Structure formats: structure tokens, C-alpha cells
Amino acid sequence: MDQEQYFRLLENKAEAEGLDIPKEDLRAAAVKWEMSHTGRNGRIARQLLDYLHGRS
């Protein structure tokens, strides 16, 4: 998936799950996360969201 698709997936999931994080912060976290993991895919997005839920 390209970066814009990855961002939209994360934004939609975060909103559906009630994760209160500004869009800019979510996108910045997504870029850092994908660089330190295996790229962009649904599994990586899920791991990032789980991580962010744990921090809030």
C-alpha cells in the first residue's frame, strides 16, 4: 500500500476505536513506526494502534 492509503487506514481505524490523537501526530508516528518495522501493511497499522492505545 502506498503512504496515503496507510495514513487513511490508520486515521479511519483510530477514529473508529476512539483514539484521540491529532492527525498530524498520528501521521508522524506512522512514518517512524513503518521505518522501524517491516513497512506499510494492515498488520503494522494494527501494531501501531495497539501501541498508541497503550500510551493513552
PDB file of N, CA and C in Angstrom:
ATOM      1  N   MET A   1       0.844  -1.177   0.000  1.00  0.00           N
ATOM      2  CA  MET A   1       0.000   0.000   0.000  1.00  0.00           C
ATOM      3  C   MET A   1       0.883   1.231   0.000  1.00  0.00           C
ATOM      4  N   ASP A   2       0.396   2.281  -0.638  1.00  0.00           N
ATOM      5  CA  ASP A   2       1.201   3.500  -0.639  1.00  0.00           C
ATOM      6  C   ASP A   2       0.985   4.259   0.675  1.00  0.00           C
ATOM      7  N   GLN A   3       1.764   5.299   0.875  1.00  0.00           N
ATOM      8  CA  GLN A   3       1.739   6.003   2.159  1.00  0.00           C
ATOM      9  C   GLN A   3       0.381   6.643   2.442  1.00  0.00           C
ATOM     10  N   GLU A   4      -0.250   7.209   1.430  1.00  0.00           N
ATOM     11  CA  GLU A   4      -1.546   7.852   1.656  1.00  0.00           C
ATOM     12  C   GLU A   4      -2.607   6.826   2.066  1.00  0.00           C
ATOM     13  N   GLN A   5      -2.592   5.648   1.472  1.00  0.00           N
ATOM     14  CA  GLN A   5      -3.522   4.583   1.863  1.00  0.00           C
ATOM     15  C   GLN A   5      -3.267   4.160   3.313  1.00  0.00           C
ATOM     16  N   TYR A   6      -2.005   4.041   3.662  1.00  0.00           N
ATOM     17  CA  TYR A   6      -1.606   3.683   5.024  1.00  0.00           C
ATOM     18  C   TYR A   6      -2.121   4.719   6.021  1.00  0.00           C
ATOM     19  N   PHE A   7      -1.931   5.991   5.709  1.00  0.00           N
ATOM     20  CA  PHE A   7      -2.418   7.064   6.577  1.00  0.00           C
ATOM     21  C   PHE A   7      -3.936   7.000   6.729  1.00  0.00           C
ATOM     22  N   ARG A   8      -4.650   6.834   5.625  1.00  0.00           N
ATOM     23  CA  ARG A   8      -6.123   6.776   5.687  1.00  0.00           C
ATOM     24  C   ARG A   8      -6.594   5.587   6.518  1.00  0.00           C
ATOM     25  N   LEU A   9      -5.947   4.442   6.345  1.00  0.00           N
ATOM     26  CA  LEU A   9      -6.297   3.258   7.139  1.00  0.00           C
ATOM     27  C   LEU A   9      -6.133   3.561   8.626  1.00  0.00           C
ATOM     28  N   LEU A  10      -4.986   4.116   8.988  1.00  0.00           N
ATOM     29  CA  LEU A  10      -4.739   4.439  10.394  1.00  0.00           C
ATOM     30  C   LEU A  10      -5.731   5.471  10.923  1.00  0.00           C
ATOM     31  N   GLU A  11      -5.988   6.508  10.154  1.00  0.00           N
ATOM     32  CA  GLU A  11      -6.906   7.553  10.603  1.00  0.00           C
ATOM     33  C   GLU A  11      -8.315   7.006  10.799  1.00  0.00           C
ATOM     34  N   ASN A  12      -8.775   6.192   9.868  1.00  0.00           N
ATOM     35  CA  ASN A  12     -10.119   5.616   9.986  1.00  0.00           C
ATOM     36  C   ASN A  12     -10.224   4.680  11.177  1.00  0.00           C
ATOM     37  N   LYS A  13      -9.221   3.822  11.354  1.00  0.00           N
ATOM     38  CA  LYS A  13      -9.227   2.885  12.486  1.00  0.00           C
ATOM     39  C   LYS A  13      -9.132   3.643  13.810  1.00  0.00           C
ATOM     40  N   ALA A  14      -8.252   4.632  13.885  1.00  0.00           N
ATOM     41  CA  ALA A  14      -8.086   5.397  15.122  1.00  0.00           C
ATOM     42  C   ALA A  14      -9.404   6.079  15.508  1.00  0.00           C
ATOM     43  N   GLU A  15     -10.078   6.657  14.526  1.00  0.00           N
ATOM     44  CA  GLU A  15     -11.356   7.314  14.801  1.00  0.00           C
ATOM     45  C   GLU A  15     -12.403   6.293  15.251  1.00  0.00           C
ATOM     46  N   ALA A  16     -12.479   5.171  14.562  1.00  0.00           N
ATOM     47  CA  ALA A  16     -13.462   4.134  14.909  1.00  0.00           C
ATOM     48  C   ALA A  16     -13.222   3.570  16.303  1.00  0.00           C
ATOM     49  N   GLU A  17     -11.964   3.542  16.726  1.00  0.00           N
ATOM     50  CA  GLU A  17     -11.609   2.985  18.031  1.00  0.00           C
ATOM     51  C   GLU A  17     -11.584   4.039  19.139  1.00  0.00           C
ATOM     52  N   GLY A  18     -11.901   5.281  18.786  1.00  0.00           N
ATOM     53  CA  GLY A  18     -11.951   6.341  19.783  1.00  0.00           C
ATOM     54  C   GLY A  18     -10.589   6.806  20.273  1.00  0.00           C
ATOM     55  N   LEU A  19      -9.566   6.591  19.464  1.00  0.00           N
ATOM     56  CA  LEU A  19      -8.218   7.021  19.832  1.00  0.00           C
ATOM     57  C   LEU A  19      -8.107   8.518  19.564  1.00  0.00           C
ATOM     58  N   ASP A  20      -7.921   9.286  20.605  1.00  0.00           N
ATOM     59  CA  ASP A  20      -7.879  10.744  20.495  1.00  0.00           C
ATOM     60  C   ASP A  20      -6.439  11.196  20.262  1.00  0.00           C
ATOM     61  N   ILE A  21      -6.091  11.337  18.984  1.00  0.00           N
ATOM     62  CA  ILE A  21      -4.750  11.777  18.622  1.00  0.00           C
ATOM     63  C   ILE A  21      -4.873  12.678  17.396  1.00  0.00           C
ATOM     64  N   PRO A  22      -4.217  13.829  17.418  1.00  0.00           N
ATOM     65  CA  PRO A  22      -4.276  14.711  16.250  1.00  0.00           C
ATOM     66  C   PRO A  22      -3.743  14.001  14.991  1.00  0.00           C
ATOM     67  N   LYS A  23      -4.357  14.314  13.877  1.00  0.00           N
ATOM     68  CA  LYS A  23      -3.995  13.694  12.602  1.00  0.00           C
ATOM     69  C   LYS A  23      -2.494  13.833  12.312  1.00  0.00           C
ATOM     70  N   GLU A  24      -1.939  14.998  12.573  1.00  0.00           N
ATOM     71  CA  GLU A  24      -0.520  15.234  12.301  1.00  0.00           C
ATOM     72  C   GLU A  24       0.368  14.340  13.169  1.00  0.00           C
ATOM     73  N   ASP A  25      -0.021  14.168  14.420  1.00  0.00           N
ATOM     74  CA  ASP A  25       0.746  13.312  15.330  1.00  0.00           C
ATOM     75  C   ASP A  25       0.644  11.848  14.916  1.00  0.00           C
ATOM     76  N   LEU A  26      -0.541  11.432  14.488  1.00  0.00           N
ATOM     77  CA  LEU A  26      -0.724  10.055  14.030  1.00  0.00           C
ATOM     78  C   LEU A  26       0.127   9.786  12.797  1.00  0.00           C
ATOM     79  N   ARG A  27       0.130  10.721  11.867  1.00  0.00           N
ATOM     80  CA  ARG A  27       0.930  10.547  10.647  1.00  0.00           C
ATOM     81  C   ARG A  27       2.424  10.518  10.969  1.00  0.00           C
ATOM     82  N   ALA A  28       2.870  11.368  11.873  1.00  0.00           N
ATOM     83  CA  ALA A  28       4.286  11.368  12.255  1.00  0.00           C
ATOM     84  C   ALA A  28       4.661  10.043  12.915  1.00  0.00           C
ATOM     85  N   ALA A  29       3.804   9.548  13.789  1.00  0.00           N
ATOM     86  CA  ALA A  29       4.057   8.259  14.445  1.00  0.00           C
ATOM     87  C   ALA A  29       4.070   7.139  13.416  1.00  0.00           C
ATOM     88  N   ALA A  30       3.182   7.222  12.426  1.00  0.00           N
ATOM     89  CA  ALA A  30       3.098   6.190  11.387  1.00  0.00           C
ATOM     90  C   ALA A  30       4.390   6.112  10.573  1.00  0.00           C
ATOM     91  N   VAL A  31       4.954   7.255  10.235  1.00  0.00           N
ATOM     92  CA  VAL A  31       6.198   7.275   9.456  1.00  0.00           C
ATOM     93  C   VAL A  31       7.331   6.667  10.279  1.00  0.00           C
ATOM     94  N   LYS A  32       7.450   7.060  11.528  1.00  0.00           N
ATOM     95  CA  LYS A  32       8.502   6.500  12.391  1.00  0.00           C
ATOM     96  C   LYS A  32       8.312   4.995  12.574  1.00  0.00           C
ATOM     97  N   TRP A  33       7.063   4.583  12.782  1.00  0.00           N
ATOM     98  CA  TRP A  33       6.761   3.178  13.035  1.00  0.00           C
ATOM     99  C   TRP A  33       7.108   2.325  11.818  1.00  0.00           C
ATOM    100  N   GLU A  34       6.700   2.771  10.626  1.00  0.00           N
ATOM    101  CA  GLU A  34       6.954   1.968   9.424  1.00  0.00           C
ATOM    102  C   GLU A  34       8.449   1.846   9.149  1.00  0.00           C
ATOM    103  N   MET A  35       9.219   2.869   9.503  1.00  0.00           N
ATOM    104  CA  MET A  35      10.666   2.830   9.261  1.00  0.00           C
ATOM    105  C   MET A  35      11.374   1.865  10.214  1.00  0.00           C
ATOM    106  N   SER A  36      10.826   1.686  11.403  1.00  0.00           N
ATOM    107  CA  SER A  36      11.472   0.801  12.369  1.00  0.00           C
ATOM    108  C   SER A  36      10.880  -0.608  12.367  1.00  0.00           C
ATOM    109  N   HIS A  37       9.884  -0.828  11.522  1.00  0.00           N
ATOM    110  CA  HIS A  37       9.266  -2.150  11.399  1.00  0.00           C
ATOM    111  C   HIS A  37       9.368  -2.611   9.947  1.00  0.00           C
ATOM    112  N   THR A  38       8.462  -3.409   9.487  1.00  0.00           N
ATOM    113  CA  THR A  38       8.621  -4.009   8.153  1.00  0.00           C
ATOM    114  C   THR A  38       7.876  -3.288   7.043  1.00  0.00           C
ATOM    115  N   GLY A  39       7.609  -2.019   7.191  1.00  0.00           N
ATOM    116  CA  GLY A  39       6.949  -1.287   6.114  1.00  0.00           C
ATOM    117  C   GLY A  39       5.518  -0.932   6.429  1.00  0.00           C
ATOM    118  N   ARG A  40       4.691  -0.867   5.367  1.00  0.00           N
ATOM    119  CA  ARG A  40       3.291  -0.464   5.497  1.00  0.00           C
ATOM    120  C   ARG A  40       2.372  -1.616   5.121  1.00  0.00           C
ATOM    121  N   ASN A  41       1.568  -2.045   6.067  1.00  0.00           N
ATOM    122  CA  ASN A  41       0.515  -3.013   5.784  1.00  0.00           C
ATOM    123  C   ASN A  41      -0.470  -2.994   6.961  1.00  0.00           C
ATOM    124  N   GLY A  42      -1.532  -3.733   6.821  1.00  0.00           N
ATOM    125  CA  GLY A  42      -2.561  -3.738   7.860  1.00  0.00           C
ATOM    126  C   GLY A  42      -2.059  -4.224   9.207  1.00  0.00           C
ATOM    127  N   ARG A  43      -1.164  -5.214   9.203  1.00  0.00           N
ATOM    128  CA  ARG A  43      -0.636  -5.747  10.466  1.00  0.00           C
ATOM    129  C   ARG A  43       0.201  -4.695  11.185  1.00  0.00           C
ATOM    130  N   ILE A  44       1.016  -3.992  10.445  1.00  0.00           N
ATOM    131  CA  ILE A  44       1.852  -2.937  11.033  1.00  0.00           C
ATOM    132  C   ILE A  44       0.967  -1.808  11.566  1.00  0.00           C
ATOM    133  N   ALA A  45      -0.073  -1.451  10.828  1.00  0.00           N
ATOM    134  CA  ALA A  45      -1.008  -0.424  11.295  1.00  0.00           C
ATOM    135  C   ALA A  45      -1.656  -0.856  12.607  1.00  0.00           C
ATOM    136  N   ARG A  46      -2.066  -2.117  12.696  1.00  0.00           N
ATOM    137  CA  ARG A  46      -2.685  -2.644  13.919  1.00  0.00           C
ATOM    138  C   ARG A  46      -1.711  -2.546  15.089  1.00  0.00           C
ATOM    139  N   GLN A  47      -0.454  -2.910  14.865  1.00  0.00           N
ATOM    140  CA  GLN A  47       0.543  -2.853  15.934  1.00  0.00           C
ATOM    141  C   GLN A  47       0.742  -1.426  16.419  1.00  0.00           C
ATOM    142  N   LEU A  48       0.782  -0.473  15.488  1.00  0.00           N
ATOM    143  CA  LEU A  48       0.935   0.929  15.881  1.00  0.00           C
ATOM    144  C   LEU A  48      -0.263   1.389  16.697  1.00  0.00           C
ATOM    145  N   LEU A  49      -1.459   1.070  16.257  1.00  0.00           N
ATOM    146  CA  LEU A  49      -2.646   1.475  17.003  1.00  0.00           C
ATOM    147  C   LEU A  49      -2.675   0.853  18.392  1.00  0.00           C
ATOM    148  N   ASP A  50      -2.312  -0.409  18.494  1.00  0.00           N
ATOM    149  CA  ASP A  50      -2.244  -1.056  19.813  1.00  0.00           C
ATOM    150  C   ASP A  50      -1.238  -0.355  20.712  1.00  0.00           C
ATOM    151  N   TYR A  51      -0.091   0.009  20.153  1.00  0.00           N
ATOM    152  CA  TYR A  51       0.937   0.736  20.898  1.00  0.00           C
ATOM    153  C   TYR A  51       0.392   2.078  21.380  1.00  0.00           C
ATOM    154  N   LEU A  52      -0.269   2.818  20.485  1.00  0.00           N
ATOM    155  CA  LEU A  52      -0.794   4.133  20.843  1.00  0.00           C
ATOM    156  C   LEU A  52      -1.907   4.029  21.877  1.00  0.00           C
ATOM    157  N   HIS A  53      -2.726   3.001  21.800  1.00  0.00           N
ATOM    158  CA  HIS A  53      -3.761   2.796  22.828  1.00  0.00           C
ATOM    159  C   HIS A  53      -3.124   2.571  24.192  1.00  0.00           C
ATOM    160  N   GLY A  54      -2.024   1.841  24.202  1.00  0.00           N
ATOM    161  CA  GLY A  54      -1.325   1.558  25.456  1.00  0.00           C
ATOM    162  C   GLY A  54      -0.705   2.798  26.078  1.00  0.00           C
ATOM    163  N   ARG A  55      -0.369   3.765  25.258  1.00  0.00           N
ATOM    164  CA  ARG A  55       0.237   5.001  25.752  1.00  0.00           C
ATOM    165  C   ARG A  55      -0.784   5.987  26.274  1.00  0.00           C
ATOM    166  N   SER A  56      -2.028   5.873  25.835  1.00  0.00           N
ATOM    167  CA  SER A  56      -3.032   6.877  26.246  1.00  0.00           C
ATOM    168  C   SER A  56      -3.766   6.499  27.503  1.00  0.00           C
TER     169      SER A  56
END
